[in-house]
Amino acid sequence: MEKEMQKHFPAIECELLEYVVGCLSDLGSPDKDEVYETIGDMLLGSLEGCTEDNVSSLCESLVDLLRLDAGESNGSDQKIALSAPVKLCSVALALEQEVQEVSSIWMKQRIDNSLVDQKKLEKAEAKLKQKNERRQQHKTTDVVEAPGYV
């Protein structure tokens, strides 16, 4: 549609072209008179050297383009012949195999292979245990030896 308008009016501004194309796409499947009412006066007023005959011929070609576009988008009247038969069994089998081969991070089971050195872990746990014992000893001695409560 844009190419057709630029062919008729090569000096048309980009913004005007976009506006006209938007207006025409909103019309759906109009006839020549509707297209002329929608964009004719605007084109005559904004383009220098534009005649009613030019706008009228543009409207006719735009109506033809709009009808072609509408016919292609519906597509219900057209039948397409396949080059080979479609075997649904093979398609279903391939789809079933794909489903079984899905390897998603959400579907995988975690393997808990520890990368921590067990000896170091035992030493760290022993140190923590000793610290906790010392803290408990200090707490009990602080409570017992608190001045002024004896």
N, C-alpha and C. Protein backbone atom coordinates (compact mmCIF):
# COMPACT_ATOMS: atom_id res chain seq x y z
N MET A 1 0.82 -1.17 0.00
CA MET A 1 0.00 0.00 0.00
C MET A 1 0.88 1.25 0.00
N GLU A 2 1.91 1.23 0.82
CA GLU A 2 2.81 2.38 0.88
C GLU A 2 3.52 2.60 -0.45
N LYS A 3 3.91 1.49 -1.09
CA LYS A 3 4.60 1.61 -2.38
C LYS A 3 3.67 2.19 -3.44
N GLU A 4 2.42 1.79 -3.40
CA GLU A 4 1.44 2.30 -4.37
C GLU A 4 1.25 3.81 -4.19
N MET A 5 1.18 4.24 -2.94
CA MET A 5 1.01 5.67 -2.69
C MET A 5 2.26 6.45 -3.11
N GLN A 6 3.44 5.90 -2.84
CA GLN A 6 4.66 6.59 -3.24
C GLN A 6 4.81 6.61 -4.76
N LYS A 7 4.25 5.61 -5.43
CA LYS A 7 4.30 5.60 -6.89
C LYS A 7 3.45 6.73 -7.45
N HIS A 8 2.27 6.97 -6.87
CA HIS A 8 1.40 8.04 -7.33
C HIS A 8 1.89 9.41 -6.87
N PHE A 9 2.39 9.48 -5.63
CA PHE A 9 2.85 10.74 -5.06
C PHE A 9 4.24 10.56 -4.47
N PRO A 10 5.29 10.73 -5.26
CA PRO A 10 6.65 10.49 -4.75
C PRO A 10 7.09 11.50 -3.69
N ALA A 11 6.46 12.67 -3.64
CA ALA A 11 6.88 13.70 -2.69
C ALA A 11 6.10 13.64 -1.38
N ILE A 12 5.38 12.55 -1.13
CA ILE A 12 4.55 12.47 0.09
C ILE A 12 5.45 12.34 1.32
N GLU A 13 5.06 13.03 2.37
CA GLU A 13 5.85 13.00 3.61
C GLU A 13 5.63 11.66 4.32
N CYS A 14 6.63 11.25 5.05
CA CYS A 14 6.61 9.96 5.75
C CYS A 14 5.46 9.90 6.77
N GLU A 15 5.28 10.98 7.54
CA GLU A 15 4.24 11.00 8.56
C GLU A 15 2.85 10.90 7.95
N LEU A 16 2.65 11.62 6.84
CA LEU A 16 1.37 11.58 6.16
C LEU A 16 1.11 10.19 5.59
N LEU A 17 2.13 9.58 5.06
CA LEU A 17 2.01 8.23 4.52
C LEU A 17 1.61 7.24 5.61
N GLU A 18 2.26 7.32 6.76
CA GLU A 18 1.93 6.41 7.86
C GLU A 18 0.51 6.63 8.35
N TYR A 19 0.08 7.89 8.41
CA TYR A 19 -1.27 8.21 8.86
C TYR A 19 -2.31 7.63 7.90
N VAL A 20 -2.07 7.81 6.61
CA VAL A 20 -3.02 7.33 5.60
C VAL A 20 -3.10 5.81 5.65
N VAL A 21 -1.96 5.14 5.77
CA VAL A 21 -1.96 3.68 5.83
C VAL A 21 -2.70 3.20 7.08
N GLY A 22 -2.51 3.90 8.19
CA GLY A 22 -3.24 3.55 9.41
C GLY A 22 -4.74 3.71 9.26
N CYS A 23 -5.15 4.81 8.63
CA CYS A 23 -6.58 5.03 8.40
C CYS A 23 -7.17 3.95 7.50
N LEU A 24 -6.45 3.57 6.47
CA LEU A 24 -6.95 2.56 5.55
C LEU A 24 -7.01 1.18 6.19
N SER A 25 -6.06 0.89 7.05
CA SER A 25 -6.09 -0.42 7.70
C SER A 25 -7.25 -0.53 8.68
N ASP A 26 -7.70 0.60 9.22
CA ASP A 26 -8.86 0.60 10.12
C ASP A 26 -10.18 0.44 9.38
N LEU A 27 -10.20 0.75 8.09
CA LEU A 27 -11.44 0.68 7.33
C LEU A 27 -11.91 -0.74 7.08
N GLY A 28 -11.01 -1.69 6.98
CA GLY A 28 -11.41 -3.07 6.69
C GLY A 28 -11.46 -3.30 5.20
N SER A 29 -12.67 -3.53 4.65
CA SER A 29 -12.82 -3.75 3.21
C SER A 29 -13.77 -2.69 2.63
N PRO A 30 -13.25 -1.48 2.40
CA PRO A 30 -14.09 -0.38 1.92
C PRO A 30 -14.22 -0.38 0.40
N ASP A 31 -15.10 0.49 -0.08
CA ASP A 31 -15.18 0.71 -1.53
C ASP A 31 -14.46 2.02 -1.85
N LYS A 32 -14.44 2.36 -3.13
CA LYS A 32 -13.67 3.52 -3.58
C LYS A 32 -14.15 4.81 -2.93
N ASP A 33 -15.47 4.95 -2.77
CA ASP A 33 -16.01 6.18 -2.19
C ASP A 33 -15.59 6.35 -0.73
N GLU A 34 -15.59 5.27 0.04
CA GLU A 34 -15.17 5.36 1.44
C GLU A 34 -13.70 5.75 1.55
N VAL A 35 -12.88 5.17 0.69
CA VAL A 35 -11.45 5.50 0.72
C VAL A 35 -11.26 6.96 0.34
N TYR A 36 -11.99 7.42 -0.67
CA TYR A 36 -11.86 8.81 -1.10
C TYR A 36 -12.32 9.76 0.01
N GLU A 37 -13.42 9.41 0.71
CA GLU A 37 -13.90 10.25 1.81
C GLU A 37 -12.89 10.30 2.95
N THR A 38 -12.20 9.17 3.17
CA THR A 38 -11.27 9.10 4.28
C THR A 38 -9.99 9.87 4.02
N ILE A 39 -9.40 9.69 2.83
CA ILE A 39 -8.07 10.28 2.60
C ILE A 39 -8.03 11.28 1.46
N GLY A 40 -9.07 11.37 0.65
CA GLY A 40 -9.03 12.21 -0.55
C GLY A 40 -8.81 13.67 -0.26
N ASP A 41 -9.64 14.25 0.60
CA ASP A 41 -9.52 15.67 0.91
C ASP A 41 -8.18 15.99 1.57
N MET A 42 -7.73 15.08 2.41
CA MET A 42 -6.46 15.30 3.09
C MET A 42 -5.30 15.31 2.08
N LEU A 43 -5.32 14.39 1.13
CA LEU A 43 -4.25 14.36 0.12
C LEU A 43 -4.33 15.59 -0.78
N LEU A 44 -5.52 15.99 -1.16
CA LEU A 44 -5.66 17.17 -2.02
C LEU A 44 -5.16 18.42 -1.31
N GLY A 45 -5.39 18.53 -0.02
CA GLY A 45 -5.00 19.73 0.71
C GLY A 45 -3.53 19.75 1.08
N SER A 46 -2.90 18.59 1.22
CA SER A 46 -1.53 18.58 1.73
C SER A 46 -0.47 18.39 0.65
N LEU A 47 -0.84 17.91 -0.51
CA LEU A 47 0.14 17.68 -1.57
C LEU A 47 -0.03 18.69 -2.70
N GLU A 48 1.07 19.30 -3.06
CA GLU A 48 1.02 20.28 -4.15
C GLU A 48 1.00 19.54 -5.49
N GLY A 49 0.25 20.06 -6.44
CA GLY A 49 0.18 19.47 -7.76
C GLY A 49 -0.67 18.22 -7.80
N CYS A 50 -1.43 17.99 -6.76
CA CYS A 50 -2.28 16.81 -6.67
C CYS A 50 -3.65 17.15 -7.24
N THR A 51 -4.13 16.35 -8.15
CA THR A 51 -5.44 16.59 -8.75
C THR A 51 -6.43 15.53 -8.27
N GLU A 52 -7.70 15.82 -8.50
CA GLU A 52 -8.73 14.87 -8.08
C GLU A 52 -8.61 13.56 -8.85
N ASP A 53 -8.18 13.65 -10.11
CA ASP A 53 -8.01 12.44 -10.91
C ASP A 53 -6.91 11.56 -10.33
N ASN A 54 -5.80 12.18 -9.90
CA ASN A 54 -4.72 11.41 -9.28
C ASN A 54 -5.20 10.70 -8.02
N VAL A 55 -5.92 11.45 -7.19
CA VAL A 55 -6.40 10.87 -5.93
C VAL A 55 -7.44 9.79 -6.21
N SER A 56 -8.27 10.00 -7.19
CA SER A 56 -9.29 9.01 -7.53
C SER A 56 -8.66 7.71 -8.03
N SER A 57 -7.66 7.83 -8.89
CA SER A 57 -6.99 6.61 -9.38
C SER A 57 -6.23 5.92 -8.24
N LEU A 58 -5.66 6.71 -7.34
CA LEU A 58 -4.98 6.13 -6.18
C LEU A 58 -5.97 5.38 -5.31
N CYS A 59 -7.14 5.95 -5.10
CA CYS A 59 -8.16 5.30 -4.27
C CYS A 59 -8.61 3.98 -4.88
N GLU A 60 -8.76 3.96 -6.21
CA GLU A 60 -9.13 2.70 -6.88
C GLU A 60 -8.07 1.62 -6.67
N SER A 61 -6.81 2.00 -6.86
CA SER A 61 -5.75 1.00 -6.69
C SER A 61 -5.62 0.57 -5.23
N LEU A 62 -5.86 1.49 -4.29
CA LEU A 62 -5.79 1.13 -2.87
C LEU A 62 -6.93 0.19 -2.49
N VAL A 63 -8.11 0.41 -3.05
CA VAL A 63 -9.24 -0.51 -2.79
C VAL A 63 -8.90 -1.89 -3.30
N ASP A 64 -8.30 -1.97 -4.48
CA ASP A 64 -7.90 -3.27 -5.02
C ASP A 64 -6.88 -3.94 -4.11
N LEU A 65 -5.92 -3.15 -3.61
CA LEU A 65 -4.92 -3.72 -2.71
C LEU A 65 -5.55 -4.20 -1.40
N LEU A 66 -6.48 -3.42 -0.89
CA LEU A 66 -7.15 -3.81 0.36
C LEU A 66 -7.95 -5.10 0.17
N ARG A 67 -8.59 -5.24 -0.97
CA ARG A 67 -9.36 -6.47 -1.24
C ARG A 67 -8.42 -7.66 -1.38
N LEU A 68 -7.28 -7.46 -2.02
CA LEU A 68 -6.31 -8.55 -2.13
C LEU A 68 -5.80 -8.97 -0.76
N ASP A 69 -5.48 -7.98 0.08
CA ASP A 69 -4.99 -8.28 1.42
C ASP A 69 -6.05 -9.02 2.24
N ALA A 70 -7.31 -8.61 2.11
CA ALA A 70 -8.38 -9.26 2.86
C ALA A 70 -8.58 -10.68 2.37
N GLY A 71 -8.46 -10.91 1.08
CA GLY A 71 -8.61 -12.26 0.53
C GLY A 71 -7.49 -13.18 0.97
N GLU A 72 -6.28 -12.65 1.08
CA GLU A 72 -5.15 -13.47 1.51
C GLU A 72 -5.23 -13.78 2.99
N SER A 73 -5.73 -12.86 3.78
CA SER A 73 -5.77 -13.10 5.22
C SER A 73 -6.85 -14.11 5.59
N ASN A 74 -7.97 -14.12 4.84
CA ASN A 74 -9.02 -15.10 5.14
C ASN A 74 -8.53 -16.50 4.83
N GLY A 75 -8.12 -16.74 3.61
CA GLY A 75 -7.51 -17.99 3.23
C GLY A 75 -8.41 -19.21 3.35
N SER A 76 -9.68 -19.06 3.69
CA SER A 76 -10.55 -20.21 3.88
C SER A 76 -10.98 -20.80 2.55
N ASP A 77 -10.95 -20.00 1.49
CA ASP A 77 -11.38 -20.48 0.19
C ASP A 77 -10.29 -21.26 -0.53
N GLN A 78 -9.06 -21.08 -0.12
CA GLN A 78 -7.95 -21.71 -0.82
C GLN A 78 -7.67 -23.09 -0.23
N LYS A 79 -7.37 -24.03 -1.11
CA LYS A 79 -7.00 -25.37 -0.66
C LYS A 79 -5.56 -25.61 -1.09
N ILE A 80 -4.81 -26.22 -0.22
CA ILE A 80 -3.41 -26.47 -0.49
C ILE A 80 -3.22 -27.98 -0.61
N ALA A 81 -2.56 -28.38 -1.70
CA ALA A 81 -2.28 -29.80 -1.89
C ALA A 81 -0.90 -30.11 -1.33
N LEU A 82 -0.82 -31.15 -0.54
CA LEU A 82 0.45 -31.55 0.03
C LEU A 82 1.26 -32.32 -0.99
N SER A 83 2.56 -32.21 -0.91
CA SER A 83 3.42 -32.92 -1.87
C SER A 83 3.57 -34.39 -1.51
N ALA A 84 3.35 -34.75 -0.25
CA ALA A 84 3.45 -36.14 0.19
C ALA A 84 2.42 -36.36 1.29
N PRO A 85 2.00 -37.61 1.48
CA PRO A 85 1.03 -37.87 2.55
C PRO A 85 1.66 -37.68 3.93
N VAL A 86 0.85 -37.29 4.86
CA VAL A 86 1.32 -37.10 6.23
C VAL A 86 0.97 -38.35 7.03
N LYS A 87 1.99 -38.91 7.66
CA LYS A 87 1.77 -40.11 8.47
C LYS A 87 1.75 -39.69 9.93
N LEU A 88 0.58 -39.70 10.50
CA LEU A 88 0.41 -39.21 11.86
C LEU A 88 1.06 -40.14 12.88
N CYS A 89 1.16 -41.43 12.56
CA CYS A 89 1.80 -42.37 13.50
C CYS A 89 3.26 -41.99 13.73
N SER A 90 3.96 -41.67 12.67
CA SER A 90 5.38 -41.33 12.82
C SER A 90 5.54 -40.00 13.54
N VAL A 91 4.64 -39.06 13.30
CA VAL A 91 4.69 -37.77 13.98
C VAL A 91 4.43 -37.97 15.48
N ALA A 92 3.44 -38.79 15.81
CA ALA A 92 3.12 -39.04 17.21
C ALA A 92 4.26 -39.77 17.91
N LEU A 93 4.89 -40.72 17.24
CA LEU A 93 6.01 -41.46 17.82
C LEU A 93 7.19 -40.53 18.08
N ALA A 94 7.49 -39.66 17.14
CA ALA A 94 8.59 -38.71 17.31
C ALA A 94 8.31 -37.77 18.48
N LEU A 95 7.07 -37.33 18.60
CA LEU A 95 6.70 -36.44 19.70
C LEU A 95 6.80 -37.16 21.04
N GLU A 96 6.40 -38.41 21.07
CA GLU A 96 6.48 -39.20 22.30
C GLU A 96 7.93 -39.39 22.74
N GLN A 97 8.83 -39.62 21.79
CA GLN A 97 10.25 -39.77 22.11
C GLN A 97 10.83 -38.47 22.63
N GLU A 98 10.41 -37.36 22.06
CA GLU A 98 10.90 -36.06 22.53
C GLU A 98 10.47 -35.80 23.96
N VAL A 99 9.26 -36.18 24.29
CA VAL A 99 8.75 -35.97 25.64
C VAL A 99 9.57 -36.78 26.64
N GLN A 100 9.96 -37.97 26.27
CA GLN A 100 10.74 -38.83 27.16
C GLN A 100 12.16 -38.31 27.33
N GLU A 101 12.67 -37.62 26.33
CA GLU A 101 14.05 -37.15 26.37
C GLU A 101 14.20 -35.77 26.99
N VAL A 102 13.13 -35.24 27.52
CA VAL A 102 13.20 -33.91 28.10
C VAL A 102 14.15 -33.94 29.29
N SER A 103 15.10 -33.05 29.25
CA SER A 103 16.04 -32.98 30.37
C SER A 103 16.06 -31.55 30.87
N SER A 104 15.14 -31.29 31.74
CA SER A 104 15.00 -29.96 32.32
C SER A 104 15.67 -29.96 33.68
N ILE A 105 16.14 -28.80 34.10
CA ILE A 105 16.76 -28.71 35.42
C ILE A 105 15.75 -29.00 36.51
N TRP A 106 14.46 -28.81 36.21
CA TRP A 106 13.43 -29.04 37.22
C TRP A 106 13.08 -30.52 37.29
N MET A 107 13.37 -31.26 36.25
CA MET A 107 13.00 -32.67 36.23
C MET A 107 14.15 -33.58 36.64
N LYS A 108 15.36 -33.10 36.63
CA LYS A 108 16.51 -33.92 37.00
C LYS A 108 16.55 -34.08 38.51
N GLN A 109 16.97 -35.26 38.91
CA GLN A 109 17.15 -35.47 40.34
C GLN A 109 18.55 -35.03 40.71
N ARG A 110 18.65 -34.46 41.88
CA ARG A 110 19.95 -33.95 42.31
C ARG A 110 20.83 -35.10 42.75
N ILE A 111 22.05 -35.02 42.38
CA ILE A 111 23.06 -35.96 42.84
C ILE A 111 23.90 -35.21 43.86
N ASP A 112 23.89 -35.70 45.09
CA ASP A 112 24.59 -35.01 46.17
C ASP A 112 26.01 -35.53 46.29
N ASN A 113 26.82 -35.15 45.38
CA ASN A 113 28.24 -35.45 45.50
C ASN A 113 28.89 -34.28 46.22
N SER A 114 29.38 -34.57 47.39
CA SER A 114 29.97 -33.51 48.20
C SER A 114 31.41 -33.26 47.75
N LEU A 115 31.74 -32.01 47.64
CA LEU A 115 33.08 -31.63 47.24
C LEU A 115 33.90 -31.17 48.44
N VAL A 116 33.36 -31.37 49.66
CA VAL A 116 34.01 -30.91 50.87
C VAL A 116 34.92 -32.04 51.39
N ASP A 117 36.11 -31.65 51.83
CA ASP A 117 37.03 -32.61 52.41
C ASP A 117 36.47 -33.02 53.78
N GLN A 118 36.25 -34.31 53.96
CA GLN A 118 35.63 -34.80 55.19
C GLN A 118 36.48 -34.54 56.43
N LYS A 119 37.79 -34.66 56.30
CA LYS A 119 38.66 -34.43 57.45
C LYS A 119 38.58 -32.99 57.92
N LYS A 120 38.60 -32.05 56.96
CA LYS A 120 38.49 -30.63 57.32
C LYS A 120 37.14 -30.33 57.94
N LEU A 121 36.11 -30.97 57.44
CA LEU A 121 34.78 -30.77 57.98
C LEU A 121 34.71 -31.26 59.43
N GLU A 122 35.28 -32.40 59.70
CA GLU A 122 35.28 -32.93 61.07
C GLU A 122 36.06 -32.00 62.01
N LYS A 123 37.20 -31.48 61.55
CA LYS A 123 37.98 -30.56 62.38
C LYS A 123 37.18 -29.29 62.68
N ALA A 124 36.52 -28.73 61.68
CA ALA A 124 35.73 -27.51 61.86
C ALA A 124 34.58 -27.76 62.83
N GLU A 125 33.94 -28.93 62.73
CA GLU A 125 32.85 -29.25 63.64
C GLU A 125 33.37 -29.40 65.06
N ALA A 126 34.55 -30.00 65.22
CA ALA A 126 35.14 -30.17 66.55
C ALA A 126 35.46 -28.81 67.16
N LYS A 127 36.01 -27.89 66.38
CA LYS A 127 36.32 -26.56 66.89
C LYS A 127 35.06 -25.83 67.33
N LEU A 128 33.98 -25.93 66.54
CA LEU A 128 32.72 -25.29 66.90
C LEU A 128 32.16 -25.88 68.20
N LYS A 129 32.31 -27.18 68.34
CA LYS A 129 31.83 -27.83 69.55
C LYS A 129 32.61 -27.33 70.77
N GLN A 130 33.93 -27.20 70.62
CA GLN A 130 34.76 -26.70 71.72
C GLN A 130 34.38 -25.26 72.08
N LYS A 131 34.15 -24.42 71.09
CA LYS A 131 33.76 -23.03 71.33
C LYS A 131 32.45 -22.96 72.10
N ASN A 132 31.47 -23.77 71.67
CA ASN A 132 30.18 -23.78 72.35
C ASN A 132 30.31 -24.24 73.80
N GLU A 133 31.18 -25.24 74.03
CA GLU A 133 31.39 -25.71 75.40
C GLU A 133 32.02 -24.61 76.25
N ARG A 134 33.00 -23.89 75.70
CA ARG A 134 33.65 -22.81 76.44
C ARG A 134 32.64 -21.71 76.78
N ARG A 135 31.78 -21.36 75.82
CA ARG A 135 30.78 -20.32 76.05
C ARG A 135 29.84 -20.72 77.18
N GLN A 136 29.42 -21.98 77.14
CA GLN A 136 28.51 -22.44 78.19
C GLN A 136 29.20 -22.43 79.56
N GLN A 137 30.48 -22.79 79.58
CA GLN A 137 31.21 -22.76 80.85
C GLN A 137 31.32 -21.34 81.36
N HIS A 138 31.63 -20.39 80.50
CA HIS A 138 31.75 -18.99 80.91
C HIS A 138 30.42 -18.44 81.40
N LYS A 139 29.33 -18.82 80.75
CA LYS A 139 28.01 -18.35 81.16
C LYS A 139 27.66 -18.88 82.55
N THR A 140 27.93 -20.14 82.79
CA THR A 140 27.59 -20.71 84.10
C THR A 140 28.46 -20.15 85.19
N THR A 141 29.75 -19.91 84.91
CA THR A 141 30.62 -19.34 85.92
C THR A 141 30.29 -17.88 86.19
N ASP A 142 29.85 -17.13 85.15
CA ASP A 142 29.48 -15.73 85.33
C ASP A 142 28.24 -15.62 86.21
N VAL A 143 27.30 -16.50 86.05
CA VAL A 143 26.07 -16.44 86.81
C VAL A 143 26.34 -16.80 88.27
N VAL A 144 27.19 -17.81 88.49
CA VAL A 144 27.49 -18.27 89.85
C VAL A 144 28.32 -17.24 90.58
N GLU A 145 29.28 -16.63 89.91
CA GLU A 145 30.22 -15.72 90.55
C GLU A 145 29.79 -14.27 90.47
N ALA A 146 28.59 -14.00 90.14
CA ALA A 146 28.14 -12.62 90.01
C ALA A 146 28.21 -11.94 91.37
N PRO A 147 28.91 -10.78 91.48
CA PRO A 147 29.07 -10.09 92.76
C PRO A 147 27.75 -9.47 93.24
N GLY A 148 27.58 -9.46 94.52
CA GLY A 148 26.43 -8.82 95.12
C GLY A 148 25.22 -9.72 95.27
N TYR A 149 25.25 -10.89 94.74
CA TYR A 149 24.09 -11.77 94.83
C TYR A 149 24.33 -12.89 95.84
N VAL A 150 25.46 -12.94 96.43
CA VAL A 150 25.77 -14.04 97.33
C VAL A 150 25.35 -13.74 98.73
